[in-house]
N, C-alpha and C. Protein backbone atom coordinates (compact mmCIF):
# COMPACT_ATOMS: atom_id res chain seq x y z
N MET A 1 20.55 -0.74 -1.85
CA MET A 1 19.09 -0.79 -1.76
C MET A 1 18.87 -2.25 -1.11
N THR A 2 17.53 -2.25 -0.53
CA THR A 2 17.00 -3.08 0.16
C THR A 2 15.79 -3.77 -0.29
N PHE A 3 15.46 -4.90 -0.09
CA PHE A 3 14.11 -5.61 -0.38
C PHE A 3 13.51 -5.66 1.20
N VAL A 4 12.37 -5.01 1.19
CA VAL A 4 11.40 -5.01 2.62
C VAL A 4 10.38 -6.09 2.36
N VAL A 5 10.08 -7.01 3.40
CA VAL A 5 9.15 -7.93 3.38
C VAL A 5 8.15 -7.62 4.86
N PRO A 6 6.99 -7.07 4.58
CA PRO A 6 6.31 -7.03 5.75
C PRO A 6 5.92 -8.46 6.23
N PHE A 7 5.99 -8.82 7.39
CA PHE A 7 6.00 -10.13 8.13
C PHE A 7 5.17 -10.40 9.19
N ASP A 8 4.12 -11.04 9.10
CA ASP A 8 3.28 -11.43 10.09
C ASP A 8 3.19 -12.86 10.38
N GLY A 9 3.91 -13.76 9.87
CA GLY A 9 4.21 -14.98 10.05
C GLY A 9 3.01 -15.79 9.29
N SER A 10 2.25 -15.28 8.57
CA SER A 10 1.25 -16.16 7.54
C SER A 10 2.14 -16.65 6.50
N LYS A 11 1.32 -17.59 6.04
CA LYS A 11 1.90 -18.53 4.69
C LYS A 11 2.34 -17.49 3.81
N LEU A 12 1.42 -16.47 3.42
CA LEU A 12 1.84 -15.69 2.14
C LEU A 12 3.01 -14.70 2.59
N ALA A 13 3.04 -14.49 3.98
CA ALA A 13 4.14 -13.45 4.32
C ALA A 13 5.38 -14.62 4.31
N GLU A 14 5.50 -15.77 4.63
CA GLU A 14 6.39 -16.74 4.50
C GLU A 14 6.83 -16.77 2.93
N ALA A 15 5.76 -17.01 2.00
CA ALA A 15 6.22 -17.04 0.29
C ALA A 15 6.63 -15.60 -0.05
N ALA A 16 6.30 -14.53 0.56
CA ALA A 16 7.01 -13.39 0.06
C ALA A 16 8.50 -13.24 0.54
N LEU A 17 8.81 -13.81 1.84
CA LEU A 17 9.95 -13.89 2.17
C LEU A 17 10.93 -14.71 1.40
N ILE A 18 10.47 -15.87 1.16
CA ILE A 18 11.26 -16.65 0.25
C ILE A 18 11.51 -16.03 -0.90
N ARG A 19 10.39 -15.49 -1.61
CA ARG A 19 10.69 -14.75 -2.89
C ARG A 19 11.89 -13.62 -2.74
N ALA A 20 11.49 -12.78 -1.69
CA ALA A 20 12.65 -11.60 -1.63
C ALA A 20 13.98 -12.21 -1.43
N ALA A 21 14.24 -13.28 -0.41
CA ALA A 21 15.30 -13.77 -0.32
C ALA A 21 16.19 -14.38 -1.54
N GLU A 22 15.45 -14.99 -2.49
CA GLU A 22 15.85 -15.55 -3.71
C GLU A 22 16.19 -14.56 -4.71
N PHE A 23 15.30 -13.41 -4.70
CA PHE A 23 15.59 -12.27 -5.57
C PHE A 23 17.04 -11.61 -5.05
N GLY A 24 17.16 -11.64 -3.80
CA GLY A 24 18.06 -11.06 -3.08
C GLY A 24 19.54 -11.63 -3.41
N LYS A 25 19.39 -12.85 -3.48
CA LYS A 25 20.80 -13.72 -3.48
C LYS A 25 21.22 -13.35 -5.02
N VAL A 26 20.07 -13.43 -6.01
CA VAL A 26 20.50 -13.22 -7.61
C VAL A 26 20.89 -11.93 -7.54
N LEU A 27 20.29 -10.88 -6.97
CA LEU A 27 20.67 -9.37 -7.23
C LEU A 27 21.54 -8.85 -6.16
N ASN A 28 22.25 -9.67 -5.20
CA ASN A 28 22.90 -9.03 -4.34
C ASN A 28 22.38 -8.00 -3.50
N GLU A 29 21.04 -8.20 -3.17
CA GLU A 29 20.37 -7.14 -2.21
C GLU A 29 20.14 -7.52 -0.74
N ARG A 30 20.14 -6.76 0.16
CA ARG A 30 19.74 -7.13 1.43
C ARG A 30 18.35 -7.37 1.62
N VAL A 31 17.79 -8.07 2.51
CA VAL A 31 16.50 -8.29 2.74
C VAL A 31 16.35 -8.12 4.32
N VAL A 32 14.97 -7.23 4.45
CA VAL A 32 14.76 -6.93 5.55
C VAL A 32 13.25 -7.47 5.83
N ALA A 33 13.02 -8.10 6.80
CA ALA A 33 11.53 -8.61 7.13
C ALA A 33 11.14 -7.57 8.28
N VAL A 34 10.01 -7.12 8.44
CA VAL A 34 9.42 -6.23 9.14
C VAL A 34 8.11 -6.75 9.77
N SER A 35 7.92 -6.89 10.90
CA SER A 35 6.62 -7.06 11.80
C SER A 35 6.30 -5.86 12.58
N ILE A 36 4.71 -5.61 12.51
CA ILE A 36 4.31 -4.53 13.24
C ILE A 36 3.51 -5.06 14.11
N ILE A 37 3.44 -5.00 15.49
CA ILE A 37 2.79 -5.63 16.47
C ILE A 37 1.89 -4.65 17.41
N PRO A 38 0.81 -4.69 17.21
CA PRO A 38 -0.45 -3.67 18.15
C PRO A 38 -0.03 -4.15 19.44
N GLN A 39 0.27 -3.14 20.39
CA GLN A 39 0.57 -3.57 21.87
C GLN A 39 -0.89 -4.20 22.53
N ASP A 40 -0.52 -5.05 23.22
CA ASP A 40 -1.68 -5.63 23.95
C ASP A 40 -2.94 -6.07 23.31
N ASP A 41 -2.82 -6.13 22.09
CA ASP A 41 -4.01 -6.37 21.25
C ASP A 41 -4.07 -7.99 21.19
N PHE A 42 -4.89 -8.75 22.22
CA PHE A 42 -5.00 -10.04 22.08
C PHE A 42 -5.46 -10.63 20.89
N SER A 43 -6.82 -10.11 20.40
CA SER A 43 -7.32 -10.55 19.33
C SER A 43 -6.63 -10.40 17.93
N TYR A 44 -5.87 -9.55 17.77
CA TYR A 44 -5.11 -9.26 16.64
C TYR A 44 -4.24 -10.53 16.67
N ALA A 45 -3.43 -10.59 17.80
CA ALA A 45 -2.54 -11.62 18.05
C ALA A 45 -3.02 -13.00 17.62
N ASN A 46 -4.14 -13.28 18.28
CA ASN A 46 -4.59 -14.63 18.26
C ASN A 46 -5.02 -14.87 16.80
N THR A 47 -5.57 -13.83 16.09
CA THR A 47 -5.95 -13.87 14.78
C THR A 47 -4.79 -14.24 13.66
N HIS A 48 -3.66 -13.62 14.13
CA HIS A 48 -2.17 -13.93 13.29
C HIS A 48 -1.54 -15.05 13.77
N GLY A 49 -2.09 -16.01 14.78
CA GLY A 49 -1.60 -17.11 15.30
C GLY A 49 -0.20 -16.70 16.32
N TRP A 50 -0.26 -15.67 16.67
CA TRP A 50 0.91 -15.34 17.69
C TRP A 50 0.60 -15.82 19.18
N VAL A 51 -0.47 -15.92 19.55
CA VAL A 51 -1.12 -16.32 20.77
C VAL A 51 -2.27 -17.21 20.55
N GLU A 52 -2.35 -18.30 21.54
CA GLU A 52 -3.46 -19.19 21.73
C GLU A 52 -4.20 -18.48 22.65
N PRO A 53 -5.44 -18.89 22.62
CA PRO A 53 -6.50 -18.53 23.48
C PRO A 53 -5.90 -19.20 25.01
N GLY A 54 -6.10 -18.00 26.13
CA GLY A 54 -5.67 -18.54 27.38
C GLY A 54 -4.37 -18.15 27.46
N GLU A 55 -3.38 -18.09 26.35
CA GLU A 55 -2.07 -17.47 26.60
C GLU A 55 -1.75 -15.81 27.01
N GLU A 56 -0.95 -15.48 27.68
CA GLU A 56 -0.63 -13.94 27.94
C GLU A 56 0.01 -13.28 26.84
N PHE A 57 -0.59 -12.24 26.48
CA PHE A 57 0.00 -11.64 25.59
C PHE A 57 1.37 -10.92 25.92
N ASP A 58 2.43 -11.29 25.17
CA ASP A 58 3.87 -10.78 25.59
C ASP A 58 4.41 -10.52 24.33
N VAL A 59 4.79 -9.20 24.19
CA VAL A 59 5.37 -8.83 22.92
C VAL A 59 7.04 -9.35 22.59
N GLU A 60 7.52 -9.57 23.65
CA GLU A 60 9.10 -10.25 23.67
C GLU A 60 8.65 -11.64 23.04
N THR A 61 7.68 -12.33 23.79
CA THR A 61 7.63 -13.64 22.89
C THR A 61 7.13 -13.76 21.60
N ILE A 62 6.40 -12.62 21.30
CA ILE A 62 5.90 -12.73 19.70
C ILE A 62 6.93 -12.26 19.05
N VAL A 63 7.83 -11.32 19.27
CA VAL A 63 9.04 -10.78 18.45
C VAL A 63 9.95 -11.95 18.36
N SER A 64 10.03 -12.80 19.25
CA SER A 64 11.01 -13.90 19.16
C SER A 64 10.51 -15.05 18.24
N GLN A 65 9.21 -15.30 18.37
CA GLN A 65 8.66 -16.08 17.57
C GLN A 65 8.94 -16.05 16.08
N LEU A 66 8.34 -14.61 15.84
CA LEU A 66 8.71 -14.15 14.51
C LEU A 66 10.20 -14.07 14.02
N HIS A 67 10.85 -13.67 14.78
CA HIS A 67 12.13 -13.56 14.34
C HIS A 67 12.87 -15.04 13.98
N LYS A 68 12.56 -15.84 14.98
CA LYS A 68 12.94 -17.32 14.78
C LYS A 68 12.30 -18.04 13.39
N GLN A 69 11.00 -17.41 12.99
CA GLN A 69 10.29 -17.69 11.85
C GLN A 69 11.25 -17.33 10.59
N VAL A 70 11.62 -16.00 10.74
CA VAL A 70 12.30 -15.28 9.49
C VAL A 70 13.58 -15.83 9.39
N THR A 71 14.32 -16.15 10.56
CA THR A 71 15.46 -16.76 10.32
C THR A 71 15.48 -18.25 9.79
N LYS A 72 14.70 -18.88 10.13
CA LYS A 72 14.50 -20.06 9.71
C LYS A 72 14.37 -20.28 8.01
N ILE A 73 13.42 -19.18 7.56
CA ILE A 73 12.94 -19.24 6.23
C ILE A 73 14.25 -18.47 5.34
N ALA A 74 14.82 -17.22 6.03
CA ALA A 74 15.93 -16.64 5.23
C ALA A 74 16.85 -16.26 6.08
N PRO A 75 17.69 -17.24 6.33
CA PRO A 75 19.05 -17.06 7.58
C PRO A 75 19.69 -15.61 7.29
N SER A 76 19.88 -15.18 6.03
CA SER A 76 20.53 -13.82 5.89
C SER A 76 19.74 -12.73 5.99
N ALA A 77 18.36 -12.90 6.06
CA ALA A 77 17.67 -11.60 6.18
C ALA A 77 17.69 -10.96 7.62
N ASP A 78 17.64 -9.69 7.39
CA ASP A 78 17.63 -8.79 8.92
C ASP A 78 16.15 -8.78 9.39
N PHE A 79 15.76 -8.62 10.54
CA PHE A 79 14.54 -8.56 11.25
C PHE A 79 14.30 -7.26 11.95
N ARG A 80 13.33 -6.37 11.77
CA ARG A 80 12.92 -5.21 12.35
C ARG A 80 11.47 -5.75 12.97
N HIS A 81 11.12 -5.03 14.14
CA HIS A 81 9.80 -4.97 14.56
C HIS A 81 9.49 -3.58 14.97
N GLU A 82 8.21 -3.38 15.13
CA GLU A 82 7.79 -2.49 15.55
C GLU A 82 6.56 -2.42 16.48
N THR A 83 6.10 -1.74 17.59
CA THR A 83 4.90 -1.80 18.36
C THR A 83 4.20 -0.51 18.09
N VAL A 84 2.83 -0.68 17.95
CA VAL A 84 2.12 0.47 17.53
C VAL A 84 0.77 0.17 18.70
N GLY A 85 0.08 1.28 19.04
CA GLY A 85 -1.10 1.39 19.97
C GLY A 85 -1.81 0.08 19.81
N ARG A 86 -2.46 -0.25 20.93
CA ARG A 86 -3.42 -1.19 21.08
C ARG A 86 -4.52 -1.26 19.88
N PHE A 87 -4.92 -0.24 19.45
CA PHE A 87 -6.15 -0.02 18.66
C PHE A 87 -5.75 0.55 17.38
N ALA A 88 -4.74 0.17 16.87
CA ALA A 88 -4.18 0.62 15.63
C ALA A 88 -4.88 0.30 14.71
N THR A 89 -5.32 0.95 13.69
CA THR A 89 -5.84 0.70 12.54
C THR A 89 -5.14 0.02 11.46
N SER A 90 -5.48 -0.65 10.56
CA SER A 90 -4.73 -1.05 9.19
C SER A 90 -3.94 0.31 8.71
N GLY A 91 -4.18 1.36 8.72
CA GLY A 91 -3.79 2.56 8.15
C GLY A 91 -2.56 2.63 8.87
N THR A 92 -2.60 2.47 10.28
CA THR A 92 -1.48 2.81 11.13
C THR A 92 -0.31 1.98 10.98
N ILE A 93 -0.82 0.74 10.73
CA ILE A 93 0.07 -0.26 10.37
C ILE A 93 0.69 0.00 9.32
N ALA A 94 -0.17 0.19 8.40
CA ALA A 94 0.57 0.41 6.90
C ALA A 94 1.52 1.38 6.67
N LEU A 95 1.37 2.62 7.53
CA LEU A 95 2.11 3.66 7.55
C LEU A 95 3.21 3.51 8.13
N ALA A 96 3.43 2.66 9.45
CA ALA A 96 4.64 2.17 10.11
C ALA A 96 5.53 1.29 9.01
N LEU A 97 4.86 0.58 8.23
CA LEU A 97 5.70 -0.38 7.18
C LEU A 97 6.00 0.40 6.22
N ARG A 98 5.40 1.62 5.86
CA ARG A 98 5.91 2.44 4.79
C ARG A 98 7.23 3.17 5.36
N ARG A 99 7.29 3.63 6.48
CA ARG A 99 8.22 4.52 7.15
C ARG A 99 9.54 3.72 7.28
N ILE A 100 9.31 2.40 7.48
CA ILE A 100 10.52 1.57 7.66
C ILE A 100 10.85 1.27 6.39
N ALA A 101 10.20 0.90 5.27
CA ALA A 101 10.78 0.74 3.85
C ALA A 101 11.42 2.07 3.43
N LYS A 102 10.86 3.21 3.80
CA LYS A 102 11.55 4.54 3.25
C LYS A 102 13.04 4.56 4.02
N ASN A 103 13.08 4.25 5.47
CA ASN A 103 14.07 4.43 6.36
C ASN A 103 15.32 3.50 5.71
N GLU A 104 14.79 2.09 5.55
CA GLU A 104 15.53 1.27 4.97
C GLU A 104 16.09 1.35 3.22
N LYS A 105 15.53 2.43 3.01
CA LYS A 105 16.04 2.53 1.56
C LYS A 105 15.52 1.66 0.63
N ALA A 106 14.34 1.10 0.67
CA ALA A 106 13.86 -0.08 -0.16
C ALA A 106 13.86 0.13 -1.51
N SER A 107 14.08 -0.69 -2.27
CA SER A 107 13.87 -0.70 -3.73
C SER A 107 12.73 -1.40 -4.30
N MET A 108 12.23 -2.24 -3.28
CA MET A 108 11.26 -3.27 -3.64
C MET A 108 10.62 -3.68 -2.51
N VAL A 109 9.31 -3.75 -2.33
CA VAL A 109 8.82 -4.30 -1.25
C VAL A 109 7.88 -5.54 -1.55
N PHE A 110 8.29 -6.84 -0.92
CA PHE A 110 7.49 -8.02 -1.28
C PHE A 110 6.28 -8.30 -0.40
N ILE A 111 5.13 -8.54 -0.82
CA ILE A 111 3.76 -8.45 0.13
C ILE A 111 3.16 -9.47 -0.33
N GLY A 112 3.08 -10.46 0.87
CA GLY A 112 2.19 -11.70 0.76
C GLY A 112 0.69 -11.39 1.04
N SER A 113 -0.08 -11.23 0.28
CA SER A 113 -1.49 -10.86 0.16
C SER A 113 -2.46 -11.19 -0.94
N GLU A 114 -3.69 -11.92 -0.80
CA GLU A 114 -4.44 -12.44 -1.42
C GLU A 114 -5.07 -11.29 -2.47
N ASN A 115 -5.08 -9.98 -1.89
CA ASN A 115 -5.91 -9.04 -2.32
C ASN A 115 -5.21 -7.64 -2.32
N ALA A 116 -3.85 -7.64 -2.10
CA ALA A 116 -3.23 -6.18 -2.09
C ALA A 116 -3.10 -5.88 -3.93
N GLY A 117 -3.40 -4.65 -4.22
CA GLY A 117 -2.90 -4.14 -5.68
C GLY A 117 -4.18 -4.65 -6.38
N ARG A 118 -5.12 -4.77 -6.18
CA ARG A 118 -6.36 -5.29 -7.01
C ARG A 118 -7.12 -4.06 -7.28
N LEU A 119 -7.56 -3.86 -8.50
CA LEU A 119 -8.22 -2.60 -8.73
C LEU A 119 -9.41 -2.13 -7.48
N VAL A 120 -10.04 -3.33 -7.10
CA VAL A 120 -10.88 -3.24 -6.09
C VAL A 120 -10.35 -3.72 -4.88
N SER A 121 -10.18 -3.04 -4.05
CA SER A 121 -9.57 -3.68 -2.87
C SER A 121 -10.34 -3.04 -1.50
N SER A 122 -10.07 -3.78 -0.44
CA SER A 122 -10.62 -3.31 0.61
C SER A 122 -9.91 -2.17 1.26
N LEU A 123 -10.67 -1.34 1.96
CA LEU A 123 -10.02 -0.33 2.57
C LEU A 123 -9.16 -0.45 3.98
N THR A 124 -9.33 -1.53 4.53
CA THR A 124 -8.81 -2.15 5.55
C THR A 124 -7.44 -2.90 5.27
N SER A 125 -7.07 -3.51 4.05
CA SER A 125 -6.12 -4.06 3.84
C SER A 125 -4.74 -3.42 4.04
N VAL A 126 -3.84 -3.68 4.93
CA VAL A 126 -2.50 -3.27 4.87
C VAL A 126 -1.77 -3.32 3.73
N GLY A 127 -1.89 -4.47 3.03
CA GLY A 127 -1.11 -4.66 1.99
C GLY A 127 -1.43 -3.47 0.83
N SER A 128 -2.50 -3.30 0.51
CA SER A 128 -2.99 -2.38 -0.45
C SER A 128 -2.58 -0.80 -0.03
N MET A 129 -2.34 -0.39 1.12
CA MET A 129 -1.81 0.75 1.54
C MET A 129 -0.50 0.87 1.26
N VAL A 130 0.19 -0.47 1.71
CA VAL A 130 1.58 -0.39 1.58
C VAL A 130 2.09 -0.27 0.19
N SER A 131 1.27 -1.31 -0.86
CA SER A 131 1.54 -1.31 -2.21
C SER A 131 1.28 0.14 -2.86
N ALA A 132 0.51 1.29 -2.29
CA ALA A 132 0.21 2.41 -3.02
C ALA A 132 1.41 3.33 -3.10
N ASP A 133 2.38 3.12 -2.20
CA ASP A 133 3.53 3.91 -2.10
C ASP A 133 4.38 3.98 -3.48
N GLN A 134 4.78 5.13 -3.82
CA GLN A 134 5.55 5.07 -5.08
C GLN A 134 7.15 5.32 -4.99
N LEU A 135 7.57 5.15 -3.85
CA LEU A 135 8.88 5.23 -3.43
C LEU A 135 9.74 4.03 -3.66
N TYR A 136 9.03 2.94 -3.99
CA TYR A 136 9.64 1.67 -4.28
C TYR A 136 8.65 0.68 -5.15
N ASP A 137 9.32 -0.34 -5.86
CA ASP A 137 8.54 -1.23 -6.55
C ASP A 137 8.09 -2.22 -5.44
N VAL A 138 6.75 -2.76 -6.01
CA VAL A 138 6.17 -3.84 -5.19
C VAL A 138 6.01 -5.15 -5.87
N VAL A 139 6.45 -6.04 -5.41
CA VAL A 139 5.94 -7.26 -5.74
C VAL A 139 4.94 -7.97 -4.95
N ILE A 140 3.71 -8.40 -5.56
CA ILE A 140 2.71 -9.00 -4.61
C ILE A 140 2.71 -10.59 -4.88
N VAL A 141 2.76 -11.13 -3.81
CA VAL A 141 3.04 -12.75 -3.90
C VAL A 141 1.50 -13.04 -3.50
N ARG A 142 0.72 -13.74 -4.24
CA ARG A 142 -0.49 -14.04 -4.21
C ARG A 142 -0.63 -15.85 -3.79
N THR A 143 0.37 -16.43 -4.26
CA THR A 143 0.50 -17.85 -3.84
C THR A 143 1.39 -18.38 -3.03
N ARG A 144 1.07 -19.50 -2.23
CA ARG A 144 2.17 -19.92 -1.44
C ARG A 144 3.15 -20.51 -2.09
N GLU A 145 2.96 -21.17 -3.23
CA GLU A 145 4.00 -21.75 -4.16
C GLU A 145 4.41 -21.16 -5.38
N PRO A 146 5.84 -20.97 -5.70
CA PRO A 146 6.26 -20.07 -6.78
C PRO A 146 5.67 -20.75 -8.04
N SER A 147 5.30 -20.00 -8.99
CA SER A 147 4.82 -20.34 -10.18
C SER A 147 6.18 -21.05 -10.87
N LYS A 148 5.79 -22.01 -11.87
CA LYS A 148 6.48 -22.79 -12.64
C LYS A 148 7.40 -21.77 -13.53
N VAL A 149 8.78 -21.28 -13.53
CA VAL A 149 9.48 -20.91 -14.43
C VAL A 149 10.77 -21.71 -15.03
N GLU A 150 10.67 -21.74 -16.09
CA GLU A 150 11.54 -22.50 -16.98
C GLU A 150 12.86 -21.59 -16.67
N ARG A 151 13.89 -22.57 -16.46
CA ARG A 151 15.28 -22.43 -16.03
C ARG A 151 15.88 -21.84 -17.36
N HIS A 152 16.63 -20.67 -17.47
CA HIS A 152 17.39 -20.03 -18.38
C HIS A 152 18.56 -20.86 -18.65
N ARG A 153 18.67 -21.20 -20.12
CA ARG A 153 19.69 -22.02 -20.66
C ARG A 153 20.95 -21.25 -20.63
N GLU A 154 22.20 -21.87 -20.55
CA GLU A 154 23.48 -21.24 -20.28
C GLU A 154 23.56 -20.50 -21.96
N LYS A 155 24.11 -19.46 -22.09
CA LYS A 155 24.64 -18.92 -23.25
C LYS A 155 25.65 -19.72 -24.09
N SER A 156 25.28 -19.81 -25.28
CA SER A 156 26.26 -20.54 -26.17
C SER A 156 27.54 -19.78 -26.14
N ASN A 157 28.74 -20.52 -26.42
CA ASN A 157 30.01 -19.75 -26.60
C ASN A 157 30.25 -19.85 -28.12
N PHE A 158 29.31 -20.11 -28.98
CA PHE A 158 29.57 -20.21 -30.42
C PHE A 158 30.17 -19.03 -30.83
N TYR A 159 29.87 -17.72 -30.64
CA TYR A 159 30.28 -16.48 -31.15
C TYR A 159 31.53 -15.89 -30.18
N GLN A 160 31.81 -16.74 -29.02
CA GLN A 160 32.88 -15.97 -28.41
C GLN A 160 34.17 -16.50 -28.89
N VAL A 161 34.97 -15.11 -28.88
CA VAL A 161 36.40 -15.27 -29.39
C VAL A 161 37.17 -15.19 -28.27
N ASP A 162 38.33 -16.17 -28.10
CA ASP A 162 39.14 -16.49 -26.90
C ASP A 162 40.29 -15.53 -27.02
């Protein structure tokens, strides 16, 4: 099985990747970060911080930056990317993510999103569309910092017989 993380380089995507990597370590699961890049869509790339105003849109550079970011956060994670058409809708991007999750045999998808999975969600939310698939469980990461969880105590050896 595999944990899949849609990764656009945002702080919430980073948080989702960190959580997936932590779960992956504990459960001995593979982690795959996936980036979907609309071809030649400077506006989309600029909104996501992949290119600055005045820079040239270059898929190889964007993929390299995202891959480096993934490797820095989760060195053992695999990285996949796919390009879609310039005018791809959020539905097209979500379908690409869902297809990759299916191909990777995802057991869980970790989505960094402030609004994915809410009862009232935007029709344009990629996270909401990816979280709708029933082939895998979904972990929605809504905060950049993990919530505080008390550490489990070691089990007592009181009843253990040698």
